[in-house]
Amino acid sequence: MREFYPEIEPYDTGMLDVGDGHALYYEVSGNPNGKPAVYLHGGPGGASSATQRRVFDPEKYRIVLFDQRGCGRSTPHASAPDADLTANTTWHLVADIEHLREHLGIDRWLVCGGSWGSSLGLAYAEAHTEKVTELVLRGIFTLRPIELDWFYEGGAAAIYPDLWEGFIAPVPVDERGRLIEAYSRLLHDPDQSTRERAGVAWSTWESSTITLLQQPETIERFTEPAFAVAFARIENHYFMNKGWFEPEQLLRDAHKLKDIPGVIVQGRYDMCTPAFTAWALHQAWPEADFQMIPDAGHSFEEPGIRAALLDATDRFAN
């Protein structure tokens, strides 16, 4: 089974002022004269990581990563008690991607993303088809009510009843019929301990279920209190607003992608973003190469998913 490309360090980093009081951390690594590619991290609110650089051949790609509004090294951080998420929406992020592309002097680029990164990648590519050379997506998520209900309102509890108990624990019994809404209140409670308990419970649930077998180091990273609160707040904010999408928008508009070479990679046992959405995207965008990985969950570090992503970026590098 293939391994990620070797670890590399960025040759350029910066903070990009995108307006509304937000500055985004970005970095560029690999070959300065290589094929441009941008990796869109998950969450929303998950932040970029050094491993994401390693999805691309560093001799062939100019690799761009950035932290979306409110998370990672971008400022202001959503864990702050008075964090204002008003100017943190899907369409702000789509505009930020264009701002970053123009700032780096890139004409067109490959777009790669998983989970929420697949949502943002679809939104960006459908709005700016002429700027996307290829699209590589994993763990397809479009923020439809059926998807949110599955993972955050009780569907996945059928598979993880033990872990579900931890997710609902901070929520008063009489509020458990609308958990996303209840968490919105808890994550913005004036009491820091209440916010942190909710953030850690939300992030524990997610990090415990994104891999086929639990990875303690992933859970530990997700449940650091400042990360957990920002991650949970931003995700919850987007879910409360259904991503600011019209019903079925990302699937409805997938026909715009027909001339963009693409790869859809989906873990068969993905409990976070179940395969029915990837299959729906495959039906709406039949021109893309669809790969169902038989022994994988959600994470891009699952061996089969990792291999499929590397094969896709290698193919498009040439």
Protein backbone atom coordinates (compact mmCIF):
# COMPACT_ATOMS: atom_id res chain seq x y z
CA MET A 1 0.00 0.00 0.00
CA ARG A 2 1.30 3.44 -0.90
CA GLU A 3 2.65 5.88 1.68
CA PHE A 4 2.37 9.66 1.57
CA TYR A 5 5.19 11.58 -0.08
CA PRO A 6 8.07 12.46 2.29
CA GLU A 7 7.70 15.30 4.77
CA ILE A 8 8.52 18.74 3.40
CA GLU A 9 8.53 22.27 4.73
CA PRO A 10 6.95 25.31 3.07
CA TYR A 11 9.21 27.73 1.23
CA ASP A 12 6.71 30.57 1.60
CA THR A 13 4.22 31.46 4.34
CA GLY A 14 2.12 34.51 5.03
CA MET A 15 -1.02 36.08 6.43
CA LEU A 16 -3.50 37.30 3.82
CA ASP A 17 -5.95 40.07 4.75
CA VAL A 18 -9.29 39.02 3.26
CA GLY A 19 -11.41 41.74 4.84
CA ASP A 20 -14.06 41.66 7.57
CA GLY A 21 -11.22 41.72 10.12
CA HIS A 22 -9.96 38.28 9.01
CA ALA A 23 -6.42 37.30 8.05
CA LEU A 24 -5.72 33.83 6.65
CA TYR A 25 -2.56 31.83 7.24
CA TYR A 26 -1.28 30.30 3.99
CA GLU A 27 1.77 28.35 2.92
CA VAL A 28 3.36 27.16 -0.30
CA SER A 29 5.61 24.12 -0.63
CA GLY A 30 6.97 21.78 -3.28
CA ASN A 31 8.24 23.03 -6.65
CA PRO A 32 7.86 26.81 -7.17
CA ASN A 33 7.54 26.11 -10.92
CA GLY A 34 5.29 23.08 -10.53
CA LYS A 35 1.63 22.52 -11.30
CA PRO A 36 -0.44 24.63 -8.84
CA ALA A 37 -2.68 22.73 -6.43
CA VAL A 38 -4.68 23.87 -3.41
CA TYR A 39 -5.76 21.56 -0.59
CA LEU A 40 -9.00 22.48 1.20
CA HIS A 41 -9.11 21.20 4.77
CA GLY A 42 -12.15 19.76 6.48
CA GLY A 43 -14.40 20.74 9.31
CA PRO A 44 -15.24 23.50 8.65
CA GLY A 45 -12.84 24.64 11.32
CA GLY A 46 -10.37 21.76 11.06
CA ALA A 47 -7.26 23.68 9.92
CA SER A 48 -4.48 22.61 7.57
CA SER A 49 -1.79 20.09 8.51
CA ALA A 50 1.67 19.11 7.34
CA THR A 51 0.35 15.74 6.14
CA GLN A 52 -1.86 17.46 3.58
CA ARG A 53 1.27 18.65 1.73
CA ARG A 54 2.22 15.01 1.27
CA VAL A 55 -0.76 14.16 -0.96
CA PHE A 56 1.20 15.72 -3.84
CA ASP A 57 4.52 14.90 -5.51
CA PRO A 58 6.70 17.81 -4.29
CA GLU A 59 8.84 17.69 -7.43
CA LYS A 60 5.85 18.22 -9.69
CA TYR A 61 3.44 20.38 -7.68
CA ARG A 62 3.35 23.88 -6.25
CA ILE A 63 1.33 22.99 -3.15
CA VAL A 64 -0.87 25.60 -1.46
CA LEU A 65 -2.48 25.11 1.95
CA PHE A 66 -4.37 27.64 4.05
CA ASP A 67 -6.38 27.83 7.25
CA GLN A 68 -9.97 28.90 6.66
CA ARG A 69 -11.54 31.73 8.63
CA GLY A 70 -11.51 31.37 12.40
CA CYS A 71 -9.27 28.30 12.71
CA GLY A 72 -5.69 27.11 12.73
CA ARG A 73 -3.27 30.00 12.48
CA SER A 74 -5.79 32.35 10.87
CA THR A 75 -7.08 35.26 12.93
CA PRO A 76 -9.26 35.99 14.81
CA HIS A 77 -9.67 32.52 16.28
CA ALA A 78 -13.16 31.15 16.83
CA SER A 79 -12.30 29.87 20.31
CA ALA A 80 -12.22 33.44 21.67
CA PRO A 81 -15.14 34.11 24.06
CA ASP A 82 -16.40 37.00 21.94
CA ALA A 83 -15.79 35.35 18.54
CA ASP A 84 -18.06 36.77 15.85
CA LEU A 85 -18.82 34.27 13.06
CA THR A 86 -21.04 36.61 11.05
CA ALA A 87 -18.48 36.95 8.25
CA ASN A 88 -17.63 33.25 8.23
CA THR A 89 -19.79 31.57 5.59
CA THR A 90 -19.27 29.27 2.62
CA TRP A 91 -19.39 32.18 0.22
CA HIS A 92 -16.84 34.16 2.20
CA LEU A 93 -14.54 31.13 1.94
CA VAL A 94 -15.13 30.76 -1.80
CA ALA A 95 -14.16 34.42 -2.21
CA ASP A 96 -11.10 33.83 0.01
CA ILE A 97 -9.90 31.02 -2.27
CA GLU A 98 -10.09 33.37 -5.25
CA HIS A 99 -8.33 36.10 -3.26
CA LEU A 100 -5.51 33.69 -2.40
CA ARG A 101 -5.20 32.42 -5.98
CA GLU A 102 -4.86 35.97 -7.27
CA HIS A 103 -2.44 36.91 -4.47
CA LEU A 104 -0.15 34.03 -5.46
CA GLY A 105 -0.35 34.86 -9.16
CA ILE A 106 -1.88 31.51 -10.09
CA ASP A 107 -4.03 31.33 -13.22
CA ARG A 108 -5.66 27.91 -12.67
CA TRP A 109 -5.11 25.13 -10.18
CA LEU A 110 -6.01 21.62 -9.15
CA VAL A 111 -8.43 21.62 -6.21
CA CYS A 112 -8.28 18.79 -3.67
CA GLY A 113 -10.35 18.40 -0.52
CA GLY A 114 -12.13 15.94 1.72
CA SER A 115 -15.19 15.99 3.95
CA TRP A 116 -16.07 19.69 4.35
CA GLY A 117 -13.18 20.28 1.93
CA SER A 118 -15.22 18.39 -0.67
CA SER A 119 -18.20 20.69 0.00
CA LEU A 120 -16.05 23.78 -0.36
CA GLY A 121 -14.29 22.33 -3.39
CA LEU A 122 -17.60 21.70 -5.12
CA ALA A 123 -18.91 25.16 -4.21
CA TYR A 124 -15.73 26.80 -5.50
CA ALA A 125 -15.52 24.73 -8.70
CA GLU A 126 -19.18 25.27 -9.54
CA ALA A 127 -18.74 29.02 -9.09
CA HIS A 128 -15.33 29.29 -10.79
CA THR A 129 -15.15 26.39 -13.25
CA GLU A 130 -12.67 28.26 -15.44
CA LYS A 131 -10.11 28.39 -12.61
CA VAL A 132 -10.08 24.65 -11.84
CA THR A 133 -7.86 22.28 -13.83
CA GLU A 134 -8.91 19.12 -11.96
CA LEU A 135 -10.97 18.23 -8.90
CA VAL A 136 -9.97 15.49 -6.43
CA LEU A 137 -12.57 14.92 -3.70
CA ARG A 138 -12.83 12.49 -0.78
CA GLY A 139 -15.57 11.72 1.75
CA ILE A 140 -18.32 13.63 -0.03
CA PHE A 141 -20.40 16.00 2.09
CA THR A 142 -22.99 18.48 0.82
CA LEU A 143 -24.67 19.58 4.10
CA ARG A 144 -28.11 18.32 3.12
CA PRO A 145 -30.46 17.78 6.07
CA ILE A 146 -30.32 14.00 5.57
CA GLU A 147 -26.54 14.09 6.00
CA LEU A 148 -26.60 16.32 9.08
CA ASP A 149 -29.38 14.28 10.67
CA TRP A 150 -27.42 11.06 10.13
CA PHE A 151 -24.30 12.14 11.99
CA TYR A 152 -25.48 14.82 14.43
CA GLU A 153 -29.10 13.95 15.23
CA GLY A 154 -28.91 10.24 15.94
CA GLY A 155 -28.57 8.12 12.80
CA ALA A 156 -24.97 7.10 13.41
CA ALA A 157 -25.86 6.19 17.00
CA ALA A 158 -27.05 2.89 15.54
CA ILE A 159 -23.41 2.06 14.82
CA TYR A 160 -21.78 3.81 17.78
CA PRO A 161 -24.29 3.71 20.66
CA ASP A 162 -21.50 3.86 23.25
CA LEU A 163 -19.82 6.93 21.74
CA TRP A 164 -23.20 8.60 21.18
CA GLU A 165 -23.75 8.69 24.94
CA GLY A 166 -20.73 10.98 25.24
CA PHE A 167 -22.01 13.24 22.48
CA ILE A 168 -25.41 13.81 24.07
CA ALA A 169 -24.09 14.02 27.65
CA PRO A 170 -23.70 17.84 27.79
CA VAL A 171 -27.20 18.41 26.38
CA PRO A 172 -30.19 18.62 28.75
CA VAL A 173 -32.59 15.73 28.19
CA ASP A 174 -35.41 18.02 27.05
CA GLU A 175 -33.17 19.49 24.29
CA ARG A 176 -32.00 16.23 22.77
CA GLY A 177 -34.59 16.29 20.01
CA ARG A 178 -32.65 19.04 18.20
CA LEU A 179 -29.01 18.48 19.04
CA ILE A 180 -27.38 20.85 16.54
CA GLU A 181 -29.55 23.66 17.87
CA ALA A 182 -28.82 22.71 21.50
CA TYR A 183 -25.10 22.68 20.84
CA SER A 184 -25.33 26.14 19.27
CA ARG A 185 -26.48 27.45 22.62
CA LEU A 186 -23.92 25.51 24.65
CA LEU A 187 -20.95 26.50 22.46
CA HIS A 188 -21.75 30.18 22.99
CA ASP A 189 -22.60 29.95 26.68
CA PRO A 190 -21.02 32.74 28.78
CA ASP A 191 -19.43 30.12 31.04
CA GLN A 192 -16.07 28.89 29.73
CA SER A 193 -16.37 25.44 31.29
CA THR A 194 -19.75 24.93 29.58
CA ARG A 195 -18.31 25.97 26.21
CA GLU A 196 -15.29 23.70 26.63
CA ARG A 197 -17.32 20.70 27.78
CA ALA A 198 -19.57 21.05 24.74
CA GLY A 199 -16.65 21.61 22.37
CA VAL A 200 -14.75 18.59 23.65
CA ALA A 201 -17.84 16.34 23.51
CA TRP A 202 -18.60 17.42 19.92
CA SER A 203 -15.00 16.94 18.83
CA THR A 204 -14.61 13.62 20.64
CA TRP A 205 -17.63 12.25 18.80
CA GLU A 206 -16.25 13.31 15.44
CA SER A 207 -12.64 12.29 15.97
CA SER A 208 -13.66 8.90 17.37
CA THR A 209 -15.72 7.98 14.31
CA ILE A 210 -13.77 9.30 11.32
CA THR A 211 -11.48 6.27 11.05
CA LEU A 212 -12.40 2.63 10.63
CA LEU A 213 -10.45 1.91 13.82
CA GLN A 214 -10.03 4.63 16.44
CA GLN A 215 -6.73 6.54 16.47
CA PRO A 216 -5.93 7.86 19.96
CA GLU A 217 -3.55 10.53 18.61
CA THR A 218 -6.31 11.93 16.38
CA ILE A 219 -8.76 12.07 19.28
CA GLU A 220 -6.15 13.79 21.46
CA ARG A 221 -5.49 16.45 18.81
CA PHE A 222 -9.18 17.15 18.24
CA THR A 223 -10.01 17.42 21.94
CA GLU A 224 -7.45 20.04 22.96
CA PRO A 225 -9.90 22.63 24.38
CA ALA A 226 -9.07 25.66 22.22
CA PHE A 227 -9.09 23.58 19.03
CA ALA A 228 -12.24 21.73 20.10
CA VAL A 229 -14.24 24.87 20.84
CA ALA A 230 -13.25 26.60 17.58
CA PHE A 231 -13.84 23.44 15.55
CA ALA A 232 -17.24 22.75 17.10
CA ARG A 233 -18.37 26.38 16.94
CA ILE A 234 -17.51 26.78 13.27
CA GLU A 235 -19.02 23.43 12.26
CA ASN A 236 -22.15 24.10 14.24
CA HIS A 237 -22.46 27.61 12.77
CA TYR A 238 -22.33 26.19 9.26
CA PHE A 239 -24.74 23.36 10.05
CA MET A 240 -27.25 25.70 11.69
CA ASN A 241 -27.27 27.60 8.40
CA LYS A 242 -27.18 24.52 6.12
CA GLY A 243 -23.98 25.87 4.61
CA TRP A 244 -25.89 28.82 3.09
CA PHE A 245 -26.77 26.46 0.25
CA GLU A 246 -30.06 26.22 -1.57
CA PRO A 247 -31.65 22.76 -1.28
CA GLU A 248 -29.50 20.15 -3.07
CA GLN A 249 -27.41 22.98 -4.56
CA LEU A 250 -24.07 21.21 -4.84
CA LEU A 251 -25.64 18.16 -6.51
CA ARG A 252 -28.01 20.25 -8.61
CA ASP A 253 -25.14 22.26 -10.08
CA ALA A 254 -22.71 19.37 -10.55
CA HIS A 255 -23.46 19.42 -14.28
CA LYS A 256 -21.20 22.50 -14.43
CA LEU A 257 -18.25 20.21 -13.69
CA LYS A 258 -18.64 17.98 -16.76
CA ASP A 259 -15.55 19.40 -18.48
CA ILE A 260 -13.34 19.29 -15.36
CA PRO A 261 -11.40 16.02 -14.95
CA GLY A 262 -12.28 14.66 -11.53
CA VAL A 263 -11.89 11.83 -9.04
CA ILE A 264 -14.37 10.96 -6.27
CA VAL A 265 -12.91 8.79 -3.49
CA GLN A 266 -15.25 7.35 -0.87
CA GLY A 267 -14.74 4.94 2.01
CA ARG A 268 -17.38 2.21 2.04
CA TYR A 269 -17.61 2.37 5.86
CA ASP A 270 -17.50 6.15 6.22
CA MET A 271 -19.77 6.88 9.18
CA CYS A 272 -19.26 10.66 9.10
CA THR A 273 -20.17 11.29 5.47
CA PRO A 274 -21.93 8.08 4.36
CA ALA A 275 -21.53 6.75 0.85
CA PHE A 276 -25.03 7.72 -0.32
CA THR A 277 -23.87 11.30 -0.93
CA ALA A 278 -20.79 10.25 -2.91
CA TRP A 279 -23.03 7.99 -4.98
CA ALA A 280 -25.45 10.86 -5.60
CA LEU A 281 -22.53 13.03 -6.76
CA HIS A 282 -21.34 10.22 -9.03
CA GLN A 283 -24.79 10.12 -10.62
CA ALA A 284 -24.86 13.91 -11.02
CA TRP A 285 -21.27 14.05 -12.33
CA PRO A 286 -20.76 10.76 -14.23
CA GLU A 287 -17.71 12.09 -16.05
CA ALA A 288 -15.63 11.87 -12.85
CA ASP A 289 -13.77 8.70 -11.87
CA PHE A 290 -15.66 7.17 -8.93
CA GLN A 291 -13.75 4.98 -6.47
CA MET A 292 -15.43 3.20 -3.56
CA ILE A 293 -12.73 2.02 -1.16
CA PRO A 294 -13.93 -1.29 0.33
CA ASP A 295 -11.97 -1.27 3.60
CA ALA A 296 -12.01 2.39 4.66
CA GLY A 297 -13.88 4.85 6.82
CA HIS A 298 -13.73 8.62 6.47
CA SER A 299 -10.15 9.78 7.06
CA PHE A 300 -7.73 10.56 4.24
CA GLU A 301 -5.10 8.63 6.19
CA GLU A 302 -6.96 5.32 5.73
CA PRO A 303 -4.58 3.20 3.56
CA GLY A 304 -6.98 2.66 0.67
CA ILE A 305 -8.09 6.29 0.56
CA ARG A 306 -4.51 7.51 0.83
CA ALA A 307 -3.48 5.33 -2.13
CA ALA A 308 -6.42 6.51 -4.26
CA LEU A 309 -5.66 10.18 -3.57
CA LEU A 310 -1.97 9.74 -4.39
CA ASP A 311 -2.81 7.90 -7.60
CA ALA A 312 -5.17 10.72 -8.58
CA THR A 313 -2.69 13.53 -7.97
CA ASP A 314 0.05 11.56 -9.73
CA ARG A 315 -2.19 11.07 -12.74
CA PHE A 316 -3.03 14.76 -12.96
CA ALA A 317 0.58 15.85 -12.42
CA ASN A 318 1.33 14.41 -15.84
